[in-house]
PDB file of N, CA and C in Angstrom:
ATOM      1  N   MET A   1      47.066   9.252  -3.726  1.00  0.00           N
ATOM      2  CA  MET A   1      46.768  10.379  -2.774  1.00  0.00           C
ATOM      3  C   MET A   1      45.383  10.755  -2.993  1.00  0.00           C
ATOM      4  N   GLY A   2      44.784  10.730  -4.151  1.00  0.00           N
ATOM      5  CA  GLY A   2      43.372  11.134  -4.404  1.00  0.00           C
ATOM      6  C   GLY A   2      43.247  12.613  -4.725  1.00  0.00           C
ATOM      7  N   ARG A   3      42.069  12.810  -5.357  1.00  0.00           N
ATOM      8  CA  ARG A   3      41.729  14.319  -5.594  1.00  0.00           C
ATOM      9  C   ARG A   3      40.933  14.834  -4.675  1.00  0.00           C
ATOM     10  N   ILE A   4      41.097  16.165  -4.362  1.00  0.00           N
ATOM     11  CA  ILE A   4      40.167  16.764  -3.312  1.00  0.00           C
ATOM     12  C   ILE A   4      39.749  18.174  -3.954  1.00  0.00           C
ATOM     13  N   ASP A   5      39.896  18.296  -5.249  1.00  0.00           N
ATOM     14  CA  ASP A   5      39.566  19.565  -5.895  1.00  0.00           C
ATOM     15  C   ASP A   5      37.984  19.729  -5.897  1.00  0.00           C
ATOM     16  N   MET A   6      37.389  18.820  -5.697  1.00  0.00           N
ATOM     17  CA  MET A   6      35.912  18.912  -5.611  1.00  0.00           C
ATOM     18  C   MET A   6      35.474  19.378  -4.271  1.00  0.00           C
ATOM     19  N   PHE A   7      36.375  19.415  -3.273  1.00  0.00           N
ATOM     20  CA  PHE A   7      36.044  19.826  -1.827  1.00  0.00           C
ATOM     21  C   PHE A   7      36.964  21.099  -1.601  1.00  0.00           C
ATOM     22  N   PRO A   8      36.553  22.259  -2.230  1.00  0.00           N
ATOM     23  CA  PRO A   8      37.310  23.445  -2.063  1.00  0.00           C
ATOM     24  C   PRO A   8      37.593  23.860  -0.506  1.00  0.00           C
ATOM     25  N   GLU A   9      36.719  23.642   0.365  1.00  0.00           N
ATOM     26  CA  GLU A   9      36.985  24.064   1.780  1.00  0.00           C
ATOM     27  C   GLU A   9      38.040  23.202   2.355  1.00  0.00           C
ATOM     28  N   LEU A  10      37.904  21.734   2.203  1.00  0.00           N
ATOM     29  CA  LEU A  10      38.943  20.885   2.590  1.00  0.00           C
ATOM     30  C   LEU A  10      40.225  21.260   2.119  1.00  0.00           C
ATOM     31  N   GLU A  11      40.302  21.580   0.750  1.00  0.00           N
ATOM     32  CA  GLU A  11      41.588  21.850   0.085  1.00  0.00           C
ATOM     33  C   GLU A  11      42.172  23.040   0.779  1.00  0.00           C
ATOM     34  N   GLU A  12      41.352  24.092   0.960  1.00  0.00           N
ATOM     35  CA  GLU A  12      41.836  25.343   1.601  1.00  0.00           C
ATOM     36  C   GLU A  12      42.398  25.162   3.032  1.00  0.00           C
ATOM     37  N   PHE A  13      41.647  24.341   3.751  1.00  0.00           N
ATOM     38  CA  PHE A  13      41.873  23.732   5.213  1.00  0.00           C
ATOM     39  C   PHE A  13      43.275  23.234   5.237  1.00  0.00           C
ATOM     40  N   ILE A  14      43.467  22.291   4.278  1.00  0.00           N
ATOM     41  CA  ILE A  14      44.630  21.479   4.267  1.00  0.00           C
ATOM     42  C   ILE A  14      45.931  22.279   3.978  1.00  0.00           C
ATOM     43  N   GLU A  15      45.606  23.315   3.042  1.00  0.00           N
ATOM     44  CA  GLU A  15      46.764  24.288   2.814  1.00  0.00           C
ATOM     45  C   GLU A  15      47.166  25.278   3.872  1.00  0.00           C
ATOM     46  N   GLU A  16      46.074  25.788   4.449  1.00  0.00           N
ATOM     47  CA  GLU A  16      46.227  26.687   5.594  1.00  0.00           C
ATOM     48  C   GLU A  16      46.848  26.053   6.794  1.00  0.00           C
ATOM     49  N   ASN A  17      46.503  24.877   6.955  1.00  0.00           N
ATOM     50  CA  ASN A  17      47.204  24.257   8.328  1.00  0.00           C
ATOM     51  C   ASN A  17      48.361  23.324   7.912  1.00  0.00           C
ATOM     52  N   ASP A  18      48.836  23.284   6.705  1.00  0.00           N
ATOM     53  CA  ASP A  18      50.054  22.611   6.491  1.00  0.00           C
ATOM     54  C   ASP A  18      49.855  21.044   6.755  1.00  0.00           C
ATOM     55  N   PHE A  19      48.584  20.490   6.403  1.00  0.00           N
ATOM     56  CA  PHE A  19      48.336  19.083   6.588  1.00  0.00           C
ATOM     57  C   PHE A  19      48.718  18.351   5.286  1.00  0.00           C
ATOM     58  N   SER A  20      48.850  17.104   5.341  1.00  0.00           N
ATOM     59  CA  SER A  20      48.911  16.269   4.158  1.00  0.00           C
ATOM     60  C   SER A  20      47.465  15.788   3.905  1.00  0.00           C
ATOM     61  N   VAL A  21      47.287  15.494   2.677  1.00  0.00           N
ATOM     62  CA  VAL A  21      45.884  14.815   2.266  1.00  0.00           C
ATOM     63  C   VAL A  21      45.883  13.609   2.989  1.00  0.00           C
ATOM     64  N   ASN A  22      46.923  12.807   3.088  1.00  0.00           N
ATOM     65  CA  ASN A  22      46.856  11.416   3.614  1.00  0.00           C
ATOM     66  C   ASN A  22      46.631  11.459   5.120  1.00  0.00           C
ATOM     67  N   SER A  23      47.114  12.395   5.792  1.00  0.00           N
ATOM     68  CA  SER A  23      46.859  12.411   7.273  1.00  0.00           C
ATOM     69  C   SER A  23      45.395  12.781   7.470  1.00  0.00           C
ATOM     70  N   VAL A  24      44.876  13.682   6.722  1.00  0.00           N
ATOM     71  CA  VAL A  24      43.455  14.112   6.774  1.00  0.00           C
ATOM     72  C   VAL A  24      42.501  12.874   6.480  1.00  0.00           C
ATOM     73  N   LYS A  25      42.760  12.088   5.412  1.00  0.00           N
ATOM     74  CA  LYS A  25      42.127  11.085   4.988  1.00  0.00           C
ATOM     75  C   LYS A  25      42.059   9.954   6.204  1.00  0.00           C
ATOM     76  N   LYS A  26      43.350   9.661   6.787  1.00  0.00           N
ATOM     77  CA  LYS A  26      43.328   8.857   7.860  1.00  0.00           C
ATOM     78  C   LYS A  26      42.571   9.155   8.972  1.00  0.00           C
ATOM     79  N   SER A  27      42.554  10.393   9.317  1.00  0.00           N
ATOM     80  CA  SER A  27      41.714  11.022  10.380  1.00  0.00           C
ATOM     81  C   SER A  27      40.220  10.893  10.160  1.00  0.00           C
ATOM     82  N   ILE A  28      39.830  11.181   8.889  1.00  0.00           N
ATOM     83  CA  ILE A  28      38.498  10.904   8.518  1.00  0.00           C
ATOM     84  C   ILE A  28      38.032   9.481   8.561  1.00  0.00           C
ATOM     85  N   THR A  29      38.930   8.539   8.130  1.00  0.00           N
ATOM     86  CA  THR A  29      38.602   7.318   8.137  1.00  0.00           C
ATOM     87  C   THR A  29      38.345   6.674   9.532  1.00  0.00           C
ATOM     88  N   THR A  30      39.398   7.068  10.338  1.00  0.00           N
ATOM     89  CA  THR A  30      39.273   6.621  11.760  1.00  0.00           C
ATOM     90  C   THR A  30      37.940   7.117  12.451  1.00  0.00           C
ATOM     91  N   HIS A  31      37.622   8.400  12.248  1.00  0.00           N
ATOM     92  CA  HIS A  31      36.375   8.999  12.690  1.00  0.00           C
ATOM     93  C   HIS A  31      35.177   8.217  12.172  1.00  0.00           C
ATOM     94  N   LEU A  32      35.123   7.976  10.891  1.00  0.00           N
ATOM     95  CA  LEU A  32      34.046   7.214  10.216  1.00  0.00           C
ATOM     96  C   LEU A  32      33.852   5.907  10.814  1.00  0.00           C
ATOM     97  N   GLN A  33      34.955   5.082  11.117  1.00  0.00           N
ATOM     98  CA  GLN A  33      34.880   3.887  11.728  1.00  0.00           C
ATOM     99  C   GLN A  33      34.330   3.833  13.121  1.00  0.00           C
ATOM    100  N   ALA A  34      34.790   4.932  13.864  1.00  0.00           N
ATOM    101  CA  ALA A  34      34.259   5.050  15.240  1.00  0.00           C
ATOM    102  C   ALA A  34      32.863   5.301  15.249  1.00  0.00           C
ATOM    103  N   LEU A  35      32.276   6.167  14.325  1.00  0.00           N
ATOM    104  CA  LEU A  35      30.925   6.343  14.215  1.00  0.00           C
ATOM    105  C   LEU A  35      30.137   5.054  13.884  1.00  0.00           C
ATOM    106  N   LEU A  36      30.645   4.249  12.929  1.00  0.00           N
ATOM    107  CA  LEU A  36      30.123   2.941  12.479  1.00  0.00           C
ATOM    108  C   LEU A  36      29.979   2.019  13.873  1.00  0.00           C
ATOM    109  N   GLU A  37      31.042   1.956  14.667  1.00  0.00           N
ATOM    110  CA  GLU A  37      31.076   1.200  15.821  1.00  0.00           C
ATOM    111  C   GLU A  37      29.851   1.668  16.733  1.00  0.00           C
ATOM    112  N   HIS A  38      29.777   3.092  16.837  1.00  0.00           N
ATOM    113  CA  HIS A  38      28.753   3.682  17.634  1.00  0.00           C
ATOM    114  C   HIS A  38      27.368   3.361  17.285  1.00  0.00           C
ATOM    115  N   PHE A  39      27.218   3.422  16.028  1.00  0.00           N
ATOM    116  CA  PHE A  39      25.795   3.148  15.361  1.00  0.00           C
ATOM    117  C   PHE A  39      25.557   1.658  15.554  1.00  0.00           C
ATOM    118  N   LYS A  40      26.427   0.844  15.526  1.00  0.00           N
ATOM    119  CA  LYS A  40      26.234  -0.726  15.696  1.00  0.00           C
ATOM    120  C   LYS A  40      25.708  -0.787  17.127  1.00  0.00           C
ATOM    121  N   TYR A  41      26.456  -0.163  18.030  1.00  0.00           N
ATOM    122  CA  TYR A  41      25.995  -0.310  19.540  1.00  0.00           C
ATOM    123  C   TYR A  41      24.655   0.027  19.737  1.00  0.00           C
ATOM    124  N   PHE A  42      24.136   1.102  19.065  1.00  0.00           N
ATOM    125  CA  PHE A  42      22.662   1.565  19.164  1.00  0.00           C
ATOM    126  C   PHE A  42      21.793   0.588  18.435  1.00  0.00           C
ATOM    127  N   SER A  43      22.141  -0.001  17.259  1.00  0.00           N
ATOM    128  CA  SER A  43      21.194  -0.781  16.626  1.00  0.00           C
ATOM    129  C   SER A  43      21.169  -2.137  17.165  1.00  0.00           C
ATOM    130  N   GLU A  44      22.253  -2.635  17.876  1.00  0.00           N
ATOM    131  CA  GLU A  44      22.114  -3.800  18.516  1.00  0.00           C
ATOM    132  C   GLU A  44      21.363  -3.755  19.861  1.00  0.00           C
ATOM    133  N   GLU A  45      21.459  -2.666  20.521  1.00  0.00           N
ATOM    134  CA  GLU A  45      20.757  -2.510  21.724  1.00  0.00           C
ATOM    135  C   GLU A  45      19.204  -2.457  21.483  1.00  0.00           C
ATOM    136  N   THR A  46      18.756  -1.962  20.285  1.00  0.00           N
ATOM    137  CA  THR A  46      17.346  -1.796  20.284  1.00  0.00           C
ATOM    138  C   THR A  46      16.713  -3.023  19.372  1.00  0.00           C
ATOM    139  N   ALA A  47      16.117  -3.854  20.104  1.00  0.00           N
ATOM    140  CA  ALA A  47      15.417  -4.997  19.505  1.00  0.00           C
ATOM    141  C   ALA A  47      14.145  -4.558  18.871  1.00  0.00           C
ATOM    142  N   PRO A  48      13.980  -4.765  17.685  1.00  0.00           N
ATOM    143  CA  PRO A  48      12.695  -4.310  16.850  1.00  0.00           C
ATOM    144  C   PRO A  48      11.393  -4.822  17.599  1.00  0.00           C
ATOM    145  N   GLU A  49      11.449  -6.007  17.953  1.00  0.00           N
ATOM    146  CA  GLU A  49      10.168  -6.582  18.578  1.00  0.00           C
ATOM    147  C   GLU A  49       9.685  -5.876  19.863  1.00  0.00           C
ATOM    148  N   LYS A  50      10.701  -5.061  20.494  1.00  0.00           N
ATOM    149  CA  LYS A  50      10.302  -4.353  21.761  1.00  0.00           C
ATOM    150  C   LYS A  50       9.258  -3.195  21.312  1.00  0.00           C
ATOM    151  N   TYR A  51       9.260  -2.808  20.087  1.00  0.00           N
ATOM    152  CA  TYR A  51       8.270  -1.725  19.665  1.00  0.00           C
ATOM    153  C   TYR A  51       7.228  -2.302  18.774  1.00  0.00           C
ATOM    154  N   ASP A  52       6.889  -3.489  19.005  1.00  0.00           N
ATOM    155  CA  ASP A  52       5.611  -4.009  18.261  1.00  0.00           C
ATOM    156  C   ASP A  52       4.342  -3.335  18.776  1.00  0.00           C
ATOM    157  N   TRP A  53       4.375  -2.907  20.036  1.00  0.00           N
ATOM    158  CA  TRP A  53       3.131  -2.165  20.547  1.00  0.00           C
ATOM    159  C   TRP A  53       2.891  -0.878  19.695  1.00  0.00           C
ATOM    160  N   ILE A  54       3.991  -0.300  19.232  1.00  0.00           N
ATOM    161  CA  ILE A  54       3.707   0.957  18.399  1.00  0.00           C
ATOM    162  C   ILE A  54       3.214   0.617  17.153  1.00  0.00           C
ATOM    163  N   ARG A  55       3.822  -0.342  16.361  1.00  0.00           N
ATOM    164  CA  ARG A  55       3.561  -0.616  14.966  1.00  0.00           C
ATOM    165  C   ARG A  55       2.170  -1.371  14.812  1.00  0.00           C
ATOM    166  N   SER A  56       1.879  -2.179  15.891  1.00  0.00           N
ATOM    167  CA  SER A  56       0.856  -3.115  15.710  1.00  0.00           C
ATOM    168  C   SER A  56       0.198  -3.379  17.079  1.00  0.00           C
ATOM    169  N   PRO A  57      -0.571  -2.292  17.588  1.00  0.00           N
ATOM    170  CA  PRO A  57      -1.041  -2.402  18.975  1.00  0.00           C
ATOM    171  C   PRO A  57      -2.079  -3.533  19.170  1.00  0.00           C
ATOM    172  N   PHE A  58      -2.625  -4.059  18.200  1.00  0.00           N
ATOM    173  CA  PHE A  58      -3.641  -5.096  18.286  1.00  0.00           C
ATOM    174  C   PHE A  58      -3.279  -6.567  18.199  1.00  0.00           C
ATOM    175  N   ASN A  59      -1.848  -6.689  17.927  1.00  0.00           N
ATOM    176  CA  ASN A  59      -1.150  -7.924  17.788  1.00  0.00           C
ATOM    177  C   ASN A  59      -0.039  -8.316  18.848  1.00  0.00           C
ATOM    178  N   VAL A  60      -0.096  -7.512  19.779  1.00  0.00           N
ATOM    179  CA  VAL A  60       1.029  -7.448  20.736  1.00  0.00           C
ATOM    180  C   VAL A  60       0.846  -8.763  21.731  1.00  0.00           C
ATOM    181  N   THR A  61       1.909  -9.515  21.785  1.00  0.00           N
ATOM    182  CA  THR A  61       1.652 -10.664  22.670  1.00  0.00           C
ATOM    183  C   THR A  61       2.436 -10.417  24.077  1.00  0.00           C
ATOM    184  N   THR A  62       3.310  -9.432  24.144  1.00  0.00           N
ATOM    185  CA  THR A  62       3.910  -9.105  25.407  1.00  0.00           C
ATOM    186  C   THR A  62       4.367  -7.628  25.354  1.00  0.00           C
ATOM    187  N   ALA A  63       4.223  -7.080  26.541  1.00  0.00           N
ATOM    188  CA  ALA A  63       4.626  -5.553  26.512  1.00  0.00           C
ATOM    189  C   ALA A  63       5.190  -5.404  27.866  1.00  0.00           C
ATOM    190  N   SER A  64       6.124  -6.355  28.284  1.00  0.00           N
ATOM    191  CA  SER A  64       6.605  -6.511  29.750  1.00  0.00           C
ATOM    192  C   SER A  64       7.552  -5.410  29.931  1.00  0.00           C
ATOM    193  N   HIS A  65       8.062  -4.769  28.900  1.00  0.00           N
ATOM    194  CA  HIS A  65       9.084  -3.772  29.165  1.00  0.00           C
ATOM    195  C   HIS A  65       8.407  -2.444  29.467  1.00  0.00           C
ATOM    196  N   LEU A  66       7.012  -2.397  29.285  1.00  0.00           N
ATOM    197  CA  LEU A  66       6.345  -1.182  29.737  1.00  0.00           C
ATOM    198  C   LEU A  66       6.031  -1.139  31.277  1.00  0.00           C
ATOM    199  N   SER A  67       5.758   0.012  31.668  1.00  0.00           N
ATOM    200  CA  SER A  67       5.343   0.140  33.081  1.00  0.00           C
ATOM    201  C   SER A  67       4.049  -0.508  33.157  1.00  0.00           C
ATOM    202  N   SER A  68       3.652  -0.718  34.585  1.00  0.00           N
ATOM    203  CA  SER A  68       2.286  -1.522  34.663  1.00  0.00           C
ATOM    204  C   SER A  68       1.131  -0.659  34.294  1.00  0.00           C
ATOM    205  N   VAL A  69       1.199   0.633  34.479  1.00  0.00           N
ATOM    206  CA  VAL A  69       0.286   1.626  34.084  1.00  0.00           C
ATOM    207  C   VAL A  69       0.104   1.650  32.491  1.00  0.00           C
ATOM    208  N   MET A  70       1.257   1.622  31.830  1.00  0.00           N
ATOM    209  CA  MET A  70       1.289   1.708  30.546  1.00  0.00           C
ATOM    210  C   MET A  70       0.743   0.205  29.841  1.00  0.00           C
ATOM    211  N   GLU A  71       1.190  -0.805  30.550  1.00  0.00           N
ATOM    212  CA  GLU A  71       0.757  -2.222  30.119  1.00  0.00           C
ATOM    213  C   GLU A  71      -0.739  -2.369  30.362  1.00  0.00           C
ATOM    214  N   ASP A  72      -1.412  -1.754  31.347  1.00  0.00           N
ATOM    215  CA  ASP A  72      -2.798  -1.712  31.422  1.00  0.00           C
ATOM    216  C   ASP A  72      -3.391  -0.724  30.548  1.00  0.00           C
ATOM    217  N   ALA A  73      -2.982   0.276  29.959  1.00  0.00           N
ATOM    218  CA  ALA A  73      -3.408   1.142  29.001  1.00  0.00           C
ATOM    219  C   ALA A  73      -3.367   0.409  27.543  1.00  0.00           C
ATOM    220  N   MET A  74      -2.170  -0.362  27.526  1.00  0.00           N
ATOM    221  CA  MET A  74      -1.936  -1.101  26.191  1.00  0.00           C
ATOM    222  C   MET A  74      -3.181  -2.197  26.170  1.00  0.00           C
ATOM    223  N   ALA A  75      -3.334  -2.798  27.218  1.00  0.00           N
ATOM    224  CA  ALA A  75      -4.413  -4.055  27.190  1.00  0.00           C
ATOM    225  C   ALA A  75      -5.754  -3.453  26.964  1.00  0.00           C
ATOM    226  N   GLU A  76      -6.071  -2.210  27.588  1.00  0.00           N
ATOM    227  CA  GLU A  76      -7.356  -1.494  27.281  1.00  0.00           C
ATOM    228  C   GLU A  76      -7.487  -1.184  25.738  1.00  0.00           C
ATOM    229  N   LEU A  77      -6.498  -0.412  25.305  1.00  0.00           N
ATOM    230  CA  LEU A  77      -6.472  -0.015  23.815  1.00  0.00           C
ATOM    231  C   LEU A  77      -6.624  -1.143  23.021  1.00  0.00           C
ATOM    232  N   SER A  78      -5.748  -2.243  23.100  1.00  0.00           N
ATOM    233  CA  SER A  78      -5.790  -3.457  22.288  1.00  0.00           C
ATOM    234  C   SER A  78      -7.060  -4.215  22.228  1.00  0.00           C
ATOM    235  N   SER A  79      -7.958  -4.013  23.289  1.00  0.00           N
ATOM    236  CA  SER A  79      -9.189  -4.772  23.385  1.00  0.00           C
ATOM    237  C   SER A  79     -10.374  -3.942  22.779  1.00  0.00           C
ATOM    238  N   ASP A  80     -10.028  -2.673  22.500  1.00  0.00           N
ATOM    239  CA  ASP A  80     -11.243  -1.857  21.977  1.00  0.00           C
ATOM    240  C   ASP A  80     -11.449  -2.096  20.539  1.00  0.00           C
ATOM    241  N   ARG A  81     -12.504  -2.629  20.107  1.00  0.00           N
ATOM    242  CA  ARG A  81     -12.960  -3.042  18.671  1.00  0.00           C
ATOM    243  C   ARG A  81     -12.941  -1.797  17.790  1.00  0.00           C
ATOM    244  N   THR A  82     -13.609  -0.757  18.439  1.00  0.00           N
ATOM    245  CA  THR A  82     -13.699   0.586  17.756  1.00  0.00           C
ATOM    246  C   THR A  82     -12.389   1.144  17.248  1.00  0.00           C
ATOM    247  N   LEU A  83     -11.421   1.083  18.091  1.00  0.00           N
ATOM    248  CA  LEU A  83     -10.082   1.487  17.829  1.00  0.00           C
ATOM    249  C   LEU A  83      -9.354   0.641  16.878  1.00  0.00           C
ATOM    250  N   LYS A  84      -9.654  -0.661  16.959  1.00  0.00           N
ATOM    251  CA  LYS A  84      -9.051  -1.708  16.113  1.00  0.00           C
ATOM    252  C   LYS A  84      -9.530  -1.391  14.593  1.00  0.00           C
ATOM    253  N   THR A  85     -10.825  -1.053  14.486  1.00  0.00           N
ATOM    254  CA  THR A  85     -11.361  -0.693  13.172  1.00  0.00           C
ATOM    255  C   THR A  85     -10.678   0.558  12.734  1.00  0.00           C
ATOM    256  N   ALA A  86     -10.517   1.503  13.561  1.00  0.00           N
ATOM    257  CA  ALA A  86      -9.851   2.849  13.231  1.00  0.00           C
ATOM    258  C   ALA A  86      -8.453   2.529  12.641  1.00  0.00           C
ATOM    259  N   PHE A  87      -7.818   1.700  13.458  1.00  0.00           N
ATOM    260  CA  PHE A  87      -6.333   1.387  13.236  1.00  0.00           C
ATOM    261  C   PHE A  87      -6.248   0.784  11.674  1.00  0.00           C
ATOM    262  N   ASN A  88      -7.218  -0.051  11.400  1.00  0.00           N
ATOM    263  CA  ASN A  88      -7.235  -0.570   9.952  1.00  0.00           C
ATOM    264  C   ASN A  88      -7.558   0.293   8.857  1.00  0.00           C
ATOM    265  N   VAL A  89      -8.135   1.296   9.110  1.00  0.00           N
ATOM    266  CA  VAL A  89      -8.373   2.380   8.216  1.00  0.00           C
ATOM    267  C   VAL A  89      -7.542   3.523   8.024  1.00  0.00           C
ATOM    268  N   LYS A  90      -6.845   3.847   9.239  1.00  0.00           N
ATOM    269  CA  LYS A  90      -6.029   4.959   9.299  1.00  0.00           C
ATOM    270  C   LYS A  90      -4.574   4.641   9.054  1.00  0.00           C
ATOM    271  N   THR A  91      -3.601   5.690   8.731  1.00  0.00           N
ATOM    272  CA  THR A  91      -2.324   5.356   8.713  1.00  0.00           C
ATOM    273  C   THR A  91      -1.848   5.266  10.129  1.00  0.00           C
ATOM    274  N   LEU A  92      -0.658   4.791  10.336  1.00  0.00           N
ATOM    275  CA  LEU A  92      -0.114   4.614  11.676  1.00  0.00           C
ATOM    276  C   LEU A  92      -0.117   6.043  12.387  1.00  0.00           C
ATOM    277  N   PRO A  93       0.553   7.014  11.763  1.00  0.00           N
ATOM    278  CA  PRO A  93       0.617   8.311  12.395  1.00  0.00           C
ATOM    279  C   PRO A  93      -0.826   8.971  12.629  1.00  0.00           C
ATOM    280  N   GLU A  94      -1.682   8.777  11.685  1.00  0.00           N
ATOM    281  CA  GLU A  94      -3.157   9.223  11.963  1.00  0.00           C
ATOM    282  C   GLU A  94      -3.639   8.456  13.203  1.00  0.00           C
ATOM    283  N   PHE A  95      -3.438   7.133  13.327  1.00  0.00           N
ATOM    284  CA  PHE A  95      -4.056   6.344  14.426  1.00  0.00           C
ATOM    285  C   PHE A  95      -3.318   6.983  15.784  1.00  0.00           C
ATOM    286  N   ARG A  96      -2.020   7.077  15.703  1.00  0.00           N
ATOM    287  CA  ARG A  96      -1.441   7.420  17.023  1.00  0.00           C
ATOM    288  C   ARG A  96      -1.900   8.809  17.547  1.00  0.00           C
ATOM    289  N   ILE A  97      -2.037   9.853  16.532  1.00  0.00           N
ATOM    290  CA  ILE A  97      -2.669  11.125  16.815  1.00  0.00           C
ATOM    291  C   ILE A  97      -4.100  10.968  17.452  1.00  0.00           C
ATOM    292  N   SER A  98      -4.761  10.072  16.923  1.00  0.00           N
ATOM    293  CA  SER A  98      -6.214   9.925  17.175  1.00  0.00           C
ATOM    294  C   SER A  98      -6.420   9.375  18.693  1.00  0.00           C
ATOM    295  N   VAL A  99      -5.459   8.648  19.192  1.00  0.00           N
ATOM    296  CA  VAL A  99      -5.588   8.174  20.579  1.00  0.00           C
ATOM    297  C   VAL A  99      -4.650   8.849  21.517  1.00  0.00           C
ATOM    298  N   GLU A 100      -4.100   9.889  20.980  1.00  0.00           N
ATOM    299  CA  GLU A 100      -3.240  10.627  21.968  1.00  0.00           C
ATOM    300  C   GLU A 100      -3.966  11.278  23.201  1.00  0.00           C
ATOM    301  N   GLU A 101      -5.130  11.654  23.039  1.00  0.00           N
ATOM    302  CA  GLU A 101      -5.867  12.195  24.231  1.00  0.00           C
ATOM    303  C   GLU A 101      -6.262  11.261  25.160  1.00  0.00           C
ATOM    304  N   GLU A 102      -6.761  10.051  24.702  1.00  0.00           N
ATOM    305  CA  GLU A 102      -7.302   8.999  25.549  1.00  0.00           C
ATOM    306  C   GLU A 102      -6.191   8.119  26.217  1.00  0.00           C
ATOM    307  N   TYR A 103      -5.013   8.033  25.500  1.00  0.00           N
ATOM    308  CA  TYR A 103      -3.782   7.367  26.003  1.00  0.00           C
ATOM    309  C   TYR A 103      -2.583   8.186  25.940  1.00  0.00           C
ATOM    310  N   PRO A 104      -2.564   9.091  26.767  1.00  0.00           N
ATOM    311  CA  PRO A 104      -1.381  10.127  26.746  1.00  0.00           C
ATOM    312  C   PRO A 104      -0.001   9.532  27.061  1.00  0.00           C
ATOM    313  N   GLN A 105       0.012   8.676  27.970  1.00  0.00           N
ATOM    314  CA  GLN A 105       1.434   8.148  28.433  1.00  0.00           C
ATOM    315  C   GLN A 105       1.731   7.124  27.031  1.00  0.00           C
ATOM    316  N   LEU A 106       0.837   6.355  26.690  1.00  0.00           N
ATOM    317  CA  LEU A 106       1.306   5.438  25.543  1.00  0.00           C
ATOM    318  C   LEU A 106       1.790   6.322  24.296  1.00  0.00           C
ATOM    319  N   SER A 107       0.962   7.427  24.114  1.00  0.00           N
ATOM    320  CA  SER A 107       1.288   8.230  22.918  1.00  0.00           C
ATOM    321  C   SER A 107       2.677   8.886  23.053  1.00  0.00           C
ATOM    322  N   LYS A 108       2.895   9.350  24.369  1.00  0.00           N
ATOM    323  CA  LYS A 108       4.184  10.078  24.598  1.00  0.00           C
ATOM    324  C   LYS A 108       5.316   9.079  24.394  1.00  0.00           C
ATOM    325  N   ALA A 109       5.199   7.848  24.945  1.00  0.00           N
ATOM    326  CA  ALA A 109       6.226   6.791  24.850  1.00  0.00           C
ATOM    327  C   ALA A 109       6.479   6.458  23.273  1.00  0.00           C
ATOM    328  N   ALA A 110       5.544   6.333  22.568  1.00  0.00           N
ATOM    329  CA  ALA A 110       5.604   6.128  21.139  1.00  0.00           C
ATOM    330  C   ALA A 110       6.211   7.139  20.386  1.00  0.00           C
ATOM    331  N   MET A 111       5.865   8.478  20.797  1.00  0.00           N
ATOM    332  CA  MET A 111       6.426   9.629  20.056  1.00  0.00           C
ATOM    333  C   MET A 111       7.999   9.692  20.404  1.00  0.00           C
ATOM    334  N   ASP A 112       8.333   9.231  21.586  1.00  0.00           N
ATOM    335  CA  ASP A 112       9.746   9.210  21.951  1.00  0.00           C
ATOM    336  C   ASP A 112      10.593   8.371  21.238  1.00  0.00           C
ATOM    337  N   VAL A 113       9.915   7.271  20.834  1.00  0.00           N
ATOM    338  CA  VAL A 113      10.615   6.194  20.033  1.00  0.00           C
ATOM    339  C   VAL A 113      10.631   6.592  18.622  1.00  0.00           C
ATOM    340  N   LEU A 114       9.526   7.066  18.192  1.00  0.00           N
ATOM    341  CA  LEU A 114       9.371   7.401  16.661  1.00  0.00           C
ATOM    342  C   LEU A 114      10.164   8.662  16.216  1.00  0.00           C
ATOM    343  N   THR A 115      10.481   9.541  17.286  1.00  0.00           N
ATOM    344  CA  THR A 115      11.101  10.766  17.154  1.00  0.00           C
ATOM    345  C   THR A 115      12.364  10.937  17.945  1.00  0.00           C
ATOM    346  N   PRO A 116      13.361  10.143  17.960  1.00  0.00           N
ATOM    347  CA  PRO A 116      14.425  10.229  18.858  1.00  0.00           C
ATOM    348  C   PRO A 116      15.306  11.371  18.701  1.00  0.00           C
ATOM    349  N   PHE A 117      15.220  12.089  17.531  1.00  0.00           N
ATOM    350  CA  PHE A 117      16.181  13.228  17.422  1.00  0.00           C
ATOM    351  C   PHE A 117      15.153  14.598  17.317  1.00  0.00           C
ATOM    352  N   GLY A 118      14.058  14.551  17.981  1.00  0.00           N
ATOM    353  CA  GLY A 118      13.203  15.558  17.997  1.00  0.00           C
ATOM    354  C   GLY A 118      13.750  16.815  18.502  1.00  0.00           C
ATOM    355  N   SER A 119      13.158  18.002  18.148  1.00  0.00           N
ATOM    356  CA  SER A 119      13.716  19.294  18.614  1.00  0.00           C
ATOM    357  C   SER A 119      12.407  20.123  18.839  1.00  0.00           C
ATOM    358  N   THR A 120      12.686  21.060  19.831  1.00  0.00           N
ATOM    359  CA  THR A 120      11.712  21.879  20.161  1.00  0.00           C
ATOM    360  C   THR A 120      11.588  23.004  18.945  1.00  0.00           C
ATOM    361  N   TYR A 121      12.518  23.131  18.000  1.00  0.00           N
ATOM    362  CA  TYR A 121      12.589  23.903  16.954  1.00  0.00           C
ATOM    363  C   TYR A 121      11.644  23.507  15.730  1.00  0.00           C
ATOM    364  N   LEU A 122      11.144  22.286  15.817  1.00  0.00           N
ATOM    365  CA  LEU A 122      10.505  21.714  14.778  1.00  0.00           C
ATOM    366  C   LEU A 122       9.059  22.211  14.616  1.00  0.00           C
TER     367      LEU A 122
END
């Protein structure tokens, strides 16, 4: 059956609702398995190489998934030697912030990827 005394809220919930520990365990296990499948779906959908333009903008071979405007901006950014020098000196977040004004669409798209669970409360 297992011990639940280290989870006083759960213990109280089970007692108040006349559930068995086993039925609650089964429900939790089912829920966690569904979450695992859900996370697998998202991780399989996201190909890491799709975001090489964010991690390493000067070594990108293709950015065909970007809009044509963003592709042009990416080509311009990646051919700028001054920015390449800055990229080699700065951290990735520092670099992304430094190009935000000059390349707002690329910056917004990068931020959307890097902060998928962002909030207006942050």
